[in-house]
Structures are given as C-alpha cells and as structure tokens.
Amino acid sequence: MRNYWMPFTGNRDFKTDPRIFVRAEGVYYWNDKGDKIIDASSGLFCCAAGHCRKEIADAVYAQMQALDYSPPFQTAQPLAFEFARRVAELTPAGLDHIFFTNSGSESVDTAMKIAYAYHYARGEGQRQRFISRERAYHGVNLGGVSLSGMIKNRQAFGPGVPGVAHMRHTWLPENRFVKGQPETGAELANDLERLALNYGPDTIAACFVEPIAGSTGCLVPPKGYLERLRELCDTYGILLIFDEVITGFGRTGKAFAADSFGVKPDIMTLAKALTNAAQPMGAVAVSDEIHDAIFNAAPEKAIELFHGYTYSAHPAACAAGIATMDIFKNEGLFHKAAELSDYFLDSIFALSDIPAITDIRGYGMLAGIDIKPEDQPGLAGLNAQKALFRNHLNLKATGDSLLVAPPLISERAHIDEICEKLRVTLAAL
C-alpha cells in the first residue's frame, strides 16, 4: 500500500485500518470483506442517481468503441455540443453557454478566469479582486484554494492568488438546530458592501459563494441573504458566481440551488452529479452577457478565451453525462428529491436528542451534523466516520461535521436505515 498517496486522508492512520470498497450498486457499497454498506453521502455528493447505472456504463462503453478521444482545441466531437445543450436546458434562463472542465476545482479556476476576461473585454481590467467567505470550499487548485475559507486547505500552500477578501460565514449560534433557511443572518450579506467600499467597488471582479456551503458542514443561507448579495452585485457591477458543484442536479429538490432560492447568478460552477461520477467532468455555465462580451471583444477568427484542458469535453465523459441527464429526466429524480426531502430532514433532525450532537442543519437532500469535538479538531469526526463504517454506513466527515446526502434514488426505507445506523453509532460515542 506504500506507493499510493491518498488525497485528503491521514495516510499513516488509514494504512493501519484500511477501509476498502470493491463493489457498488444502487445506494450500497460492498467492502473487501463482503459487508454491505449504505452510502449516506452519494460517494462525495456525486452519485445522485445511485451507483453502477448500466445505462451510463453502456453509453461510455459504446462511445469508447467508436471514438476514444478527440482533441478539443480547434476540433470537436458531436457529443460535446449535445451535452452542452442538455445541460443548458437545466441551467437558469440566460445561462446558456457551457464550458467543460474535468472537476469542480477546474470549474472554479475557469470561472475566475472568465470573470477576469469579461471585465478586461469591457475595458474594466482593474477589476481583479474576488470576494469569498469564511468556511467556503471551492476546490483545491490554486485559485479555488485562495477563495476557500477553510484554514487547513490553505495553511501549507503559500499566499495564493492575491486580491481575495472573505466575508463572514453564515453560521450563527442562534440558528442551531434550524431546519431549512434560518430567519436571522441576512445582514451578513452586507459584508460584501463593506469590502467593496473598502477596496473600491470598481476593483472587484466577482463575489463567489456556495448557495449552501457544503463541505464545511451544510450551512444553509439565511432568508434574504442570497437576494441581498444579488442586489449588491447589481449595484456595484460585481459578478455573482454560484459554486453549485455539490448543490447542483437535484440536491435541493430542483435542478440547482439557484432555482430553489430564486436567485440567478451570472456564472455557475458544476461537477460531481454532472456525470453521476461515472467519468471525471466539470462545467461552467455562463450568462449570455458575459459570453457575448468576451466573444465580441475578440477579432474575427481569433481565439476568444485562451483557456482549456486536454480532456475538456472528453467523449466518454460526454456520453456519461448525456446518459445521466436521461436518468434524471426519465426517473424524475429532482421531483423525487423534493418529495423525499421533508421525510429525510425530519428523520435527521429526530437525532437531535443524542448527547454527542451539538447542531443539525439541512435543506433538500443535504444535512450536516456537528458532534462534540475532542482534544484535537477533527478527531471526533474521524472517529465517528470510522465507527459508522464499522456499522456499515459511509458518509463524508469534514472536521467534526458529518455530511449526509443520500442518492436521489433513495426510498424512505433507506433513510430509515441511515438514521438508525447514525443513532446507534453516535449514541455510543
């Protein structure tokens, strides 16, 4: 096991007690010992349609037999255009231009570059600052790390991209154990105005937020918070960028959190459930205004945006994505998520009597459970994650927050199974 350097893992600790998956189907994994383990976090929030969907595997296999790779610079392959069309059918009206990447991290850095390019094309190249939030997670590439507000993701990696300022996060003690959107905290959005006035509004390119802060522990926006950000961005000419890598494709009960909260950004970053994680892929959805400004500023026949990846719109990933879109549509999974949400949240919040739990938050089919910390930050979360695995449940832990995000194909019986395993395990902590 010595050669593989595992990501976001205590490698030395893991190799003393390995947790290995060898098979998956539907809402379950199987480990190397043959144990059946329910997946309470959809992998990493990405297997929204459940695991090992034959429709996706068949589509990828057929595409690999026909065309394994096509260079995306100055040539193209048909599925790239079809998949972009299918994604644009779901994005909010006017966000119709899709730039394909290979991960959420690449989507974030791409969105930053598009924001730079847009202002440059308009003659406002001085807009080079970004506003993000404390406790934000925007991937692990250098731009996204600079935006992120989680200290361990930044501490060892230098100063990052200059010109990033952070608003306060939206978790407030008075909003503990609040289901859905809290009533208080909308005024925290005014941090954007304070920073804009401090640095100069005409120096700020974009405000970058997760509609629901996901990896940090499911911080649901207070009522009016996202609306106020939209208003301030419009006032000061700042782009509003939603990182929907986790919240996209049905997690909130609609296609995107932008739809659920009724706030339309200028740019959206996507990944994870985009292909049901069957192939690595990300995307950036861009408004007509931004797209047209960049295109119109370039000379005829010139490259409009000097950016891209070797594997942008990879044929196999496009095939997986189109098959995933078919599943979402044919099985009505966004509607199913909306219907199951109340039962899911009621079941999760019913765990609030467990002494080890200090807070629960949730919206749609996403919830965060905070547990009492131990001497070392994150140790309680790691120990809980290990204990849950031993009790045949998989979920994502960040620090001392446990994240629950079941596949959208889940039934009430699966929610019951998840919550029973959570109760038995966490009550024993």
Protein backbone atom coordinates (compact mmCIF):
# COMPACT_ATOMS: atom_id res chain seq x y z
CA MET A 1 0.00 0.00 0.00
CA ARG A 2 3.02 2.31 0.25
CA ASN A 3 3.00 3.78 -3.26
CA TYR A 4 -0.46 5.35 -3.32
CA TRP A 5 -0.54 8.80 -1.67
CA MET A 6 -4.21 9.18 -0.78
CA PRO A 7 -5.91 12.60 -1.05
CA PHE A 8 -7.47 14.31 1.99
CA THR A 9 -6.56 11.27 4.08
CA GLY A 10 -4.36 10.58 7.06
CA ASN A 11 -2.34 8.05 5.11
CA ARG A 12 -0.40 6.63 8.07
CA ASP A 13 -3.57 6.19 10.09
CA PHE A 14 -5.54 4.73 7.18
CA LYS A 15 -2.98 2.06 6.43
CA THR A 16 -3.26 0.74 9.99
CA ASP A 17 -7.03 0.29 9.49
CA PRO A 18 -7.91 0.29 5.76
CA ARG A 19 -11.45 0.90 4.60
CA ILE A 20 -11.72 -0.55 1.10
CA PHE A 21 -14.64 -0.57 -1.34
CA VAL A 22 -14.72 -3.22 -4.06
CA ARG A 23 -18.25 -3.01 -5.48
CA ALA A 24 -21.29 -0.74 -5.58
CA GLU A 25 -24.90 -0.89 -6.73
CA GLY A 26 -27.82 1.44 -6.14
CA VAL A 27 -27.45 3.03 -2.70
CA TYR A 28 -24.93 0.48 -1.40
CA TYR A 29 -21.21 -0.26 -1.41
CA TRP A 30 -19.55 -3.58 -0.56
CA ASN A 31 -16.17 -3.69 1.14
CA ASP A 32 -13.34 -6.17 0.63
CA LYS A 33 -14.77 -8.35 3.41
CA GLY A 34 -18.13 -8.68 1.69
CA ASP A 35 -20.01 -6.33 4.04
CA LYS A 36 -22.89 -4.31 2.56
CA ILE A 37 -22.52 -0.61 3.41
CA ILE A 38 -25.20 2.00 2.80
CA ASP A 39 -23.92 5.13 1.09
CA ALA A 40 -25.22 8.11 3.05
CA SER A 41 -23.22 10.72 1.11
CA SER A 42 -23.71 9.66 -2.53
CA GLY A 43 -20.00 8.93 -2.75
CA LEU A 44 -18.82 12.51 -2.41
CA PHE A 45 -22.23 14.08 -3.21
CA CYS A 46 -21.82 12.91 -6.79
CA CYS A 47 -23.67 9.60 -7.36
CA ALA A 48 -27.11 11.22 -7.30
CA ALA A 49 -28.65 8.50 -9.49
CA GLY A 50 -27.12 5.69 -7.46
CA HIS A 51 -24.11 3.54 -8.21
CA CYS A 52 -23.18 1.50 -11.28
CA ARG A 53 -26.04 2.54 -13.53
CA LYS A 54 -25.98 0.20 -16.51
CA GLU A 55 -27.31 2.92 -18.80
CA ILE A 56 -24.25 5.06 -18.13
CA ALA A 57 -21.78 2.19 -18.36
CA ASP A 58 -23.26 1.08 -21.69
CA ALA A 59 -23.11 4.62 -23.09
CA VAL A 60 -19.46 5.03 -22.07
CA TYR A 61 -18.54 1.62 -23.49
CA ALA A 62 -20.23 2.35 -26.81
CA GLN A 63 -18.52 5.73 -27.09
CA MET A 64 -15.09 4.28 -26.28
CA GLN A 65 -15.61 1.74 -29.05
CA ALA A 66 -16.46 4.49 -31.55
CA LEU A 67 -14.20 7.42 -30.54
CA ASP A 68 -11.93 7.21 -27.52
CA TYR A 69 -10.52 10.73 -27.68
CA SER A 70 -10.81 13.86 -29.77
CA PRO A 71 -8.60 16.92 -29.19
CA PRO A 72 -10.81 19.81 -28.05
CA PHE A 73 -8.59 22.58 -29.44
CA GLN A 74 -9.69 23.62 -32.96
CA THR A 75 -11.55 20.31 -33.46
CA ALA A 76 -14.58 18.80 -31.75
CA GLN A 77 -16.81 15.76 -31.48
CA PRO A 78 -20.63 15.71 -31.66
CA LEU A 79 -21.42 14.73 -28.09
CA ALA A 80 -19.78 17.90 -26.74
CA PHE A 81 -22.42 20.05 -28.44
CA GLU A 82 -25.27 17.74 -27.49
CA PHE A 83 -24.22 17.53 -23.85
CA ALA A 84 -23.82 21.31 -23.62
CA ARG A 85 -27.35 21.65 -24.99
CA ARG A 86 -28.70 19.18 -22.43
CA VAL A 87 -27.01 20.97 -19.52
CA ALA A 88 -28.22 24.36 -20.77
CA GLU A 89 -31.79 23.02 -20.76
CA LEU A 90 -31.48 22.77 -16.96
CA THR A 91 -29.49 25.87 -16.05
CA PRO A 92 -31.38 29.08 -15.22
CA ALA A 93 -32.64 31.03 -18.23
CA GLY A 94 -29.86 33.02 -19.83
CA LEU A 95 -27.01 30.87 -18.50
CA ASP A 96 -26.81 29.07 -21.81
CA HIS A 97 -23.09 28.74 -22.55
CA ILE A 98 -21.30 25.69 -21.15
CA PHE A 99 -17.50 25.38 -20.83
CA PHE A 100 -16.43 21.85 -19.94
CA THR A 101 -13.69 21.05 -17.42
CA ASN A 102 -12.69 17.86 -15.62
CA SER A 103 -13.55 18.60 -11.98
CA GLY A 104 -15.15 21.10 -9.66
CA SER A 105 -11.73 22.54 -8.85
CA GLU A 106 -11.06 23.20 -12.53
CA SER A 107 -14.54 24.70 -12.88
CA VAL A 108 -13.80 27.20 -10.13
CA ASP A 109 -10.49 28.32 -11.62
CA THR A 110 -12.14 28.51 -15.04
CA ALA A 111 -14.91 30.72 -13.66
CA MET A 112 -12.32 33.03 -12.14
CA LYS A 113 -10.55 33.37 -15.48
CA ILE A 114 -13.82 34.01 -17.30
CA ALA A 115 -14.61 36.77 -14.79
CA TYR A 116 -11.20 38.36 -15.40
CA ALA A 117 -11.65 38.08 -19.17
CA TYR A 118 -15.15 39.58 -19.08
CA HIS A 119 -14.07 42.72 -17.26
CA TYR A 120 -10.97 43.03 -19.45
CA ALA A 121 -13.14 42.80 -22.57
CA ARG A 122 -15.31 45.62 -21.24
CA GLY A 123 -12.38 47.89 -20.53
CA GLU A 124 -12.51 47.33 -16.76
CA GLY A 125 -9.41 45.22 -16.39
CA GLN A 126 -8.77 46.81 -12.99
CA ARG A 127 -11.47 44.51 -11.56
CA GLN A 128 -9.11 41.84 -10.26
CA ARG A 129 -10.33 41.20 -6.72
CA PHE A 130 -12.60 38.39 -5.61
CA ILE A 131 -14.84 38.22 -2.57
CA SER A 132 -15.50 34.84 -0.98
CA ARG A 133 -16.49 33.65 2.50
CA GLU A 134 -15.05 32.15 5.62
CA ARG A 135 -15.67 28.39 5.77
CA ALA A 136 -16.03 28.31 1.98
CA TYR A 137 -14.77 25.38 -0.06
CA HIS A 138 -14.04 25.98 -3.74
CA GLY A 139 -11.81 23.08 -4.66
CA VAL A 140 -8.08 22.55 -4.42
CA ASN A 141 -6.49 24.31 -7.38
CA LEU A 142 -4.61 27.48 -6.56
CA GLY A 143 -7.44 29.86 -7.39
CA GLY A 144 -10.03 27.83 -5.52
CA VAL A 145 -7.74 27.44 -2.51
CA SER A 146 -7.34 31.22 -2.44
CA LEU A 147 -11.12 31.62 -2.39
CA SER A 148 -11.60 28.94 0.23
CA GLY A 149 -12.12 29.85 3.84
CA MET A 150 -11.15 26.55 5.47
CA ILE A 151 -7.80 27.05 7.15
CA LYS A 152 -6.32 23.57 6.70
CA ASN A 153 -6.95 23.77 2.96
CA ARG A 154 -4.81 26.94 2.76
CA GLN A 155 -2.31 26.87 5.59
CA ALA A 156 0.57 25.00 3.94
CA PHE A 157 0.22 26.30 0.41
CA GLY A 158 1.64 29.80 0.30
CA PRO A 159 -0.12 33.15 -0.18
CA GLY A 160 -2.30 32.02 -3.09
CA VAL A 161 -3.87 34.33 -5.65
CA PRO A 162 -3.65 37.95 -4.47
CA GLY A 163 -6.68 40.15 -4.06
CA VAL A 164 -9.11 37.77 -2.33
CA ALA A 165 -11.12 39.01 0.66
CA HIS A 166 -13.52 36.97 2.77
CA MET A 167 -16.94 37.79 4.14
CA ARG A 168 -18.08 36.22 7.38
CA HIS A 169 -19.70 32.81 7.16
CA THR A 170 -23.43 32.47 7.88
CA TRP A 171 -23.44 30.03 10.78
CA LEU A 172 -24.81 31.76 13.87
CA PRO A 173 -25.23 30.16 17.32
CA GLU A 174 -28.88 31.25 17.48
CA ASN A 175 -29.57 29.21 14.33
CA ARG A 176 -28.57 25.89 15.86
CA PHE A 177 -30.98 23.04 15.03
CA VAL A 178 -32.85 25.17 12.48
CA LYS A 179 -34.34 23.15 9.64
CA GLY A 180 -34.16 24.87 6.26
CA GLN A 181 -33.32 28.55 5.93
CA PRO A 182 -32.73 30.44 9.20
CA GLU A 183 -34.79 33.54 9.87
CA THR A 184 -31.79 35.55 11.08
CA GLY A 185 -28.47 36.41 9.48
CA ALA A 186 -29.38 38.06 6.16
CA GLU A 187 -27.48 41.17 7.26
CA LEU A 188 -24.21 39.22 6.94
CA ALA A 189 -24.51 39.79 3.20
CA ASN A 190 -23.70 43.43 3.84
CA ASP A 191 -20.09 42.33 4.34
CA LEU A 192 -19.89 42.42 0.54
CA GLU A 193 -20.73 46.13 0.52
CA ARG A 194 -18.24 46.90 3.30
CA LEU A 195 -15.45 45.14 1.42
CA ALA A 196 -16.47 46.77 -1.86
CA LEU A 197 -16.36 50.22 -0.32
CA ASN A 198 -13.10 49.47 1.46
CA TYR A 199 -11.23 48.29 -1.66
CA GLY A 200 -13.19 50.27 -4.23
CA PRO A 201 -16.21 48.69 -5.94
CA ASP A 202 -14.59 49.06 -9.36
CA THR A 203 -11.70 46.78 -8.32
CA ILE A 204 -13.88 43.75 -7.59
CA ALA A 205 -14.44 41.17 -10.31
CA ALA A 206 -16.82 38.75 -8.62
CA CYS A 207 -18.42 37.50 -5.43
CA PHE A 208 -18.01 33.74 -5.17
CA VAL A 209 -20.35 31.72 -2.91
CA GLU A 210 -21.77 28.25 -2.47
CA PRO A 211 -25.56 28.76 -2.20
CA ILE A 212 -25.36 26.18 0.59
CA ALA A 213 -21.85 25.93 1.98
CA GLY A 214 -21.38 22.21 1.55
CA SER A 215 -18.08 20.65 2.51
CA THR A 216 -17.75 22.77 5.64
CA GLY A 217 -20.91 21.24 7.08
CA CYS A 218 -24.08 22.30 5.21
CA LEU A 219 -24.52 25.98 6.09
CA VAL A 220 -27.93 26.94 4.73
CA PRO A 221 -28.25 30.62 3.74
CA PRO A 222 -30.46 32.80 5.94
CA LYS A 223 -33.64 34.06 4.33
CA GLY A 224 -32.84 37.11 2.22
CA TYR A 225 -29.08 36.54 2.28
CA LEU A 226 -28.57 35.45 -1.32
CA GLU A 227 -31.09 38.04 -2.51
CA ARG A 228 -29.06 40.76 -0.81
CA LEU A 229 -25.84 39.52 -2.42
CA ARG A 230 -27.55 39.69 -5.82
CA GLU A 231 -28.73 43.23 -5.13
CA LEU A 232 -25.27 44.41 -4.07
CA CYS A 233 -23.59 42.79 -7.06
CA ASP A 234 -26.00 44.57 -9.38
CA THR A 235 -25.38 47.88 -7.61
CA TYR A 236 -21.59 47.72 -7.86
CA GLY A 237 -21.11 45.89 -11.17
CA ILE A 238 -19.78 42.75 -9.48
CA LEU A 239 -20.40 39.31 -10.97
CA LEU A 240 -22.21 36.82 -8.75
CA ILE A 241 -20.81 33.30 -9.10
CA PHE A 242 -22.54 30.32 -7.51
CA ASP A 243 -20.46 27.24 -6.81
CA GLU A 244 -23.08 24.53 -7.38
CA VAL A 245 -20.67 21.61 -7.50
CA ILE A 246 -22.44 20.00 -4.53
CA THR A 247 -25.90 21.57 -4.75
CA GLY A 248 -26.38 21.05 -8.48
CA PHE A 249 -28.57 18.46 -10.19
CA GLY A 250 -31.39 17.89 -7.73
CA ARG A 251 -29.73 18.03 -4.33
CA THR A 252 -32.01 20.90 -3.24
CA GLY A 253 -35.16 19.48 -4.83
CA LYS A 254 -34.78 21.47 -8.04
CA ALA A 255 -32.15 21.36 -10.75
CA PHE A 256 -29.98 23.90 -8.93
CA ALA A 257 -29.95 25.80 -5.66
CA ALA A 258 -30.32 28.95 -7.76
CA ASP A 259 -33.78 27.66 -8.69
CA SER A 260 -34.65 26.63 -5.13
CA PHE A 261 -33.70 30.03 -3.68
CA GLY A 262 -34.93 32.11 -6.64
CA VAL A 263 -31.61 33.93 -7.15
CA LYS A 264 -29.90 33.80 -10.53
CA PRO A 265 -26.10 34.14 -10.64
CA ASP A 266 -24.04 35.32 -13.60
CA ILE A 267 -21.87 32.19 -13.62
CA MET A 268 -22.32 28.72 -12.11
CA THR A 269 -19.68 26.08 -11.49
CA LEU A 270 -20.76 22.44 -11.84
CA ALA A 271 -19.29 18.95 -11.45
CA LYS A 272 -19.98 15.81 -9.33
CA ALA A 273 -23.52 14.70 -10.30
CA LEU A 274 -22.96 16.10 -13.80
CA THR A 275 -21.94 12.59 -14.91
CA ASN A 276 -23.13 10.75 -11.78
CA ALA A 277 -19.35 10.45 -11.11
CA ALA A 278 -19.05 7.70 -13.72
CA GLN A 279 -16.47 9.83 -15.53
CA PRO A 280 -14.49 12.83 -14.21
CA MET A 281 -16.06 16.03 -15.51
CA GLY A 282 -16.95 19.58 -14.56
CA ALA A 283 -18.56 22.53 -16.29
CA VAL A 284 -19.07 26.27 -16.06
CA ALA A 285 -22.40 27.79 -17.09
CA VAL A 286 -22.01 31.37 -18.28
CA SER A 287 -24.58 34.07 -18.96
CA ASP A 288 -25.26 35.36 -22.44
CA GLU A 289 -23.99 38.82 -21.45
CA ILE A 290 -20.61 37.55 -20.26
CA HIS A 291 -20.20 35.17 -23.20
CA ASP A 292 -21.09 37.83 -25.76
CA ALA A 293 -18.83 40.48 -24.25
CA ILE A 294 -15.79 38.18 -24.42
CA PHE A 295 -16.63 36.99 -27.94
CA ASN A 296 -17.36 40.45 -29.32
CA ALA A 297 -14.07 41.84 -27.99
CA ALA A 298 -12.01 39.33 -29.97
CA PRO A 299 -11.03 39.87 -33.62
CA GLU A 300 -12.74 37.76 -36.27
CA LYS A 301 -11.38 34.16 -36.36
CA ALA A 302 -9.33 34.78 -33.20
CA ILE A 303 -9.44 32.63 -30.08
CA GLU A 304 -11.85 34.36 -27.72
CA LEU A 305 -10.66 32.77 -24.47
CA PHE A 306 -7.14 31.40 -24.13
CA HIS A 307 -8.09 28.64 -21.76
CA GLY A 308 -8.94 24.94 -21.83
CA TYR A 309 -7.86 21.43 -20.88
CA THR A 310 -6.60 18.42 -22.82
CA TYR A 311 -9.63 16.48 -21.60
CA SER A 312 -12.28 19.20 -21.96
CA ALA A 313 -15.49 17.60 -23.27
CA HIS A 314 -13.89 14.14 -23.35
CA PRO A 315 -16.10 11.87 -25.48
CA ALA A 316 -16.57 9.24 -22.77
CA ALA A 317 -17.43 11.89 -20.17
CA CYS A 318 -19.96 13.48 -22.52
CA ALA A 319 -21.53 10.08 -23.12
CA ALA A 320 -21.77 9.51 -19.37
CA GLY A 321 -23.26 12.98 -18.89
CA ILE A 322 -25.94 12.56 -21.54
CA ALA A 323 -26.92 9.19 -20.09
CA THR A 324 -27.07 10.81 -16.65
CA MET A 325 -29.33 13.60 -17.92
CA ASP A 326 -31.62 10.92 -19.38
CA ILE A 327 -31.86 9.19 -16.00
CA PHE A 328 -32.59 12.45 -14.18
CA LYS A 329 -35.37 13.22 -16.66
CA ASN A 330 -36.87 9.76 -17.17
CA GLU A 331 -36.95 8.92 -13.46
CA GLY A 332 -37.99 12.40 -12.31
CA LEU A 333 -35.19 12.41 -9.73
CA PHE A 334 -35.30 16.14 -8.97
CA HIS A 335 -39.02 15.88 -8.19
CA LYS A 336 -38.41 12.72 -6.20
CA ALA A 337 -35.77 14.53 -4.14
CA ALA A 338 -38.25 17.33 -3.43
CA GLU A 339 -40.88 14.81 -2.32
CA LEU A 340 -38.46 12.89 -0.08
CA SER A 341 -36.85 15.97 1.47
CA ASP A 342 -39.32 16.50 4.34
CA TYR A 343 -39.07 12.88 5.42
CA PHE A 344 -35.29 12.97 5.17
CA LEU A 345 -34.92 16.18 7.17
CA ASP A 346 -37.47 15.13 9.79
CA SER A 347 -35.57 11.86 10.25
CA ILE A 348 -32.20 13.59 10.53
CA PHE A 349 -33.46 16.24 12.96
CA ALA A 350 -35.02 13.50 15.10
CA LEU A 351 -31.44 12.62 16.06
CA SER A 352 -31.05 15.92 17.94
CA ASP A 353 -31.62 14.21 21.31
CA ILE A 354 -28.29 12.35 21.03
CA PRO A 355 -25.88 13.92 23.56
CA ALA A 356 -22.88 13.87 21.20
CA ILE A 357 -24.69 16.03 18.62
CA THR A 358 -24.28 19.81 19.03
CA ASP A 359 -26.08 21.03 15.90
CA ILE A 360 -28.02 19.83 12.86
CA ARG A 361 -28.65 21.81 9.68
CA GLY A 362 -30.30 20.78 6.46
CA TYR A 363 -32.05 21.66 3.23
CA GLY A 364 -33.37 19.45 0.46
CA MET A 365 -31.45 16.19 0.49
CA LEU A 366 -28.38 17.59 2.26
CA ALA A 367 -27.73 17.77 6.01
CA GLY A 368 -24.85 18.49 8.35
CA ILE A 369 -24.48 17.06 11.85
CA ASP A 370 -21.96 18.61 14.25
CA ILE A 371 -20.61 16.43 17.05
CA LYS A 372 -18.76 17.34 20.22
CA PRO A 373 -15.08 17.89 19.48
CA GLU A 374 -12.26 16.01 21.16
CA ASP A 375 -8.87 17.42 22.12
CA GLN A 376 -7.73 17.66 18.51
CA PRO A 377 -10.03 19.39 15.99
CA GLY A 378 -11.45 16.88 13.55
CA LEU A 379 -10.57 13.85 15.65
CA ALA A 380 -14.16 13.32 16.79
CA GLY A 381 -15.36 13.47 13.20
CA LEU A 382 -12.74 10.98 12.05
CA ASN A 383 -13.53 8.58 14.88
CA ALA A 384 -17.25 8.86 14.14
CA GLN A 385 -16.65 8.22 10.44
CA LYS A 386 -14.65 5.09 11.27
CA ALA A 387 -17.27 3.86 13.73
CA LEU A 388 -20.04 4.40 11.18
CA PHE A 389 -18.06 2.47 8.58
CA ARG A 390 -17.75 -0.42 11.03
CA ASN A 391 -21.52 -0.23 11.41
CA HIS A 392 -21.88 -0.41 7.63
CA LEU A 393 -22.58 3.23 6.79
CA ASN A 394 -20.45 5.51 4.62
CA LEU A 395 -20.53 9.29 4.85
CA LYS A 396 -18.29 12.35 4.43
CA ALA A 397 -16.80 13.99 7.52
CA THR A 398 -15.22 17.44 7.49
CA GLY A 399 -13.62 18.32 10.78
CA ASP A 400 -16.25 17.49 13.38
CA SER A 401 -19.17 17.79 10.94
CA LEU A 402 -20.79 14.74 9.38
CA LEU A 403 -22.41 15.30 5.98
CA VAL A 404 -25.44 13.29 4.92
CA ALA A 405 -26.54 13.40 1.27
CA PRO A 406 -28.20 10.16 0.15
CA PRO A 407 -28.59 9.26 -3.51
CA LEU A 408 -31.74 10.77 -5.00
CA ILE A 409 -33.00 7.28 -5.85
CA SER A 410 -33.31 6.54 -2.12
CA GLU A 411 -36.59 5.34 -0.63
CA ARG A 412 -37.91 6.00 2.86
CA ALA A 413 -36.56 2.64 3.97
CA HIS A 414 -33.06 3.76 3.03
CA ILE A 415 -33.47 6.97 5.06
CA ASP A 416 -34.63 4.85 7.99
CA GLU A 417 -31.60 2.61 7.67
CA ILE A 418 -29.23 5.57 7.52
CA CYS A 419 -30.75 7.27 10.55
CA GLU A 420 -30.87 4.08 12.60
CA LYS A 421 -27.17 3.46 11.99
CA LEU A 422 -26.44 7.10 12.82
CA ARG A 423 -28.42 6.83 16.05
CA VAL A 424 -26.82 3.61 17.25
CA THR A 425 -23.30 4.75 16.38
CA LEU A 426 -23.43 8.35 17.58
CA ALA A 427 -25.26 7.42 20.81
CA ALA A 428 -22.29 5.19 21.67
CA LEU A 429 -19.71 7.97 21.28
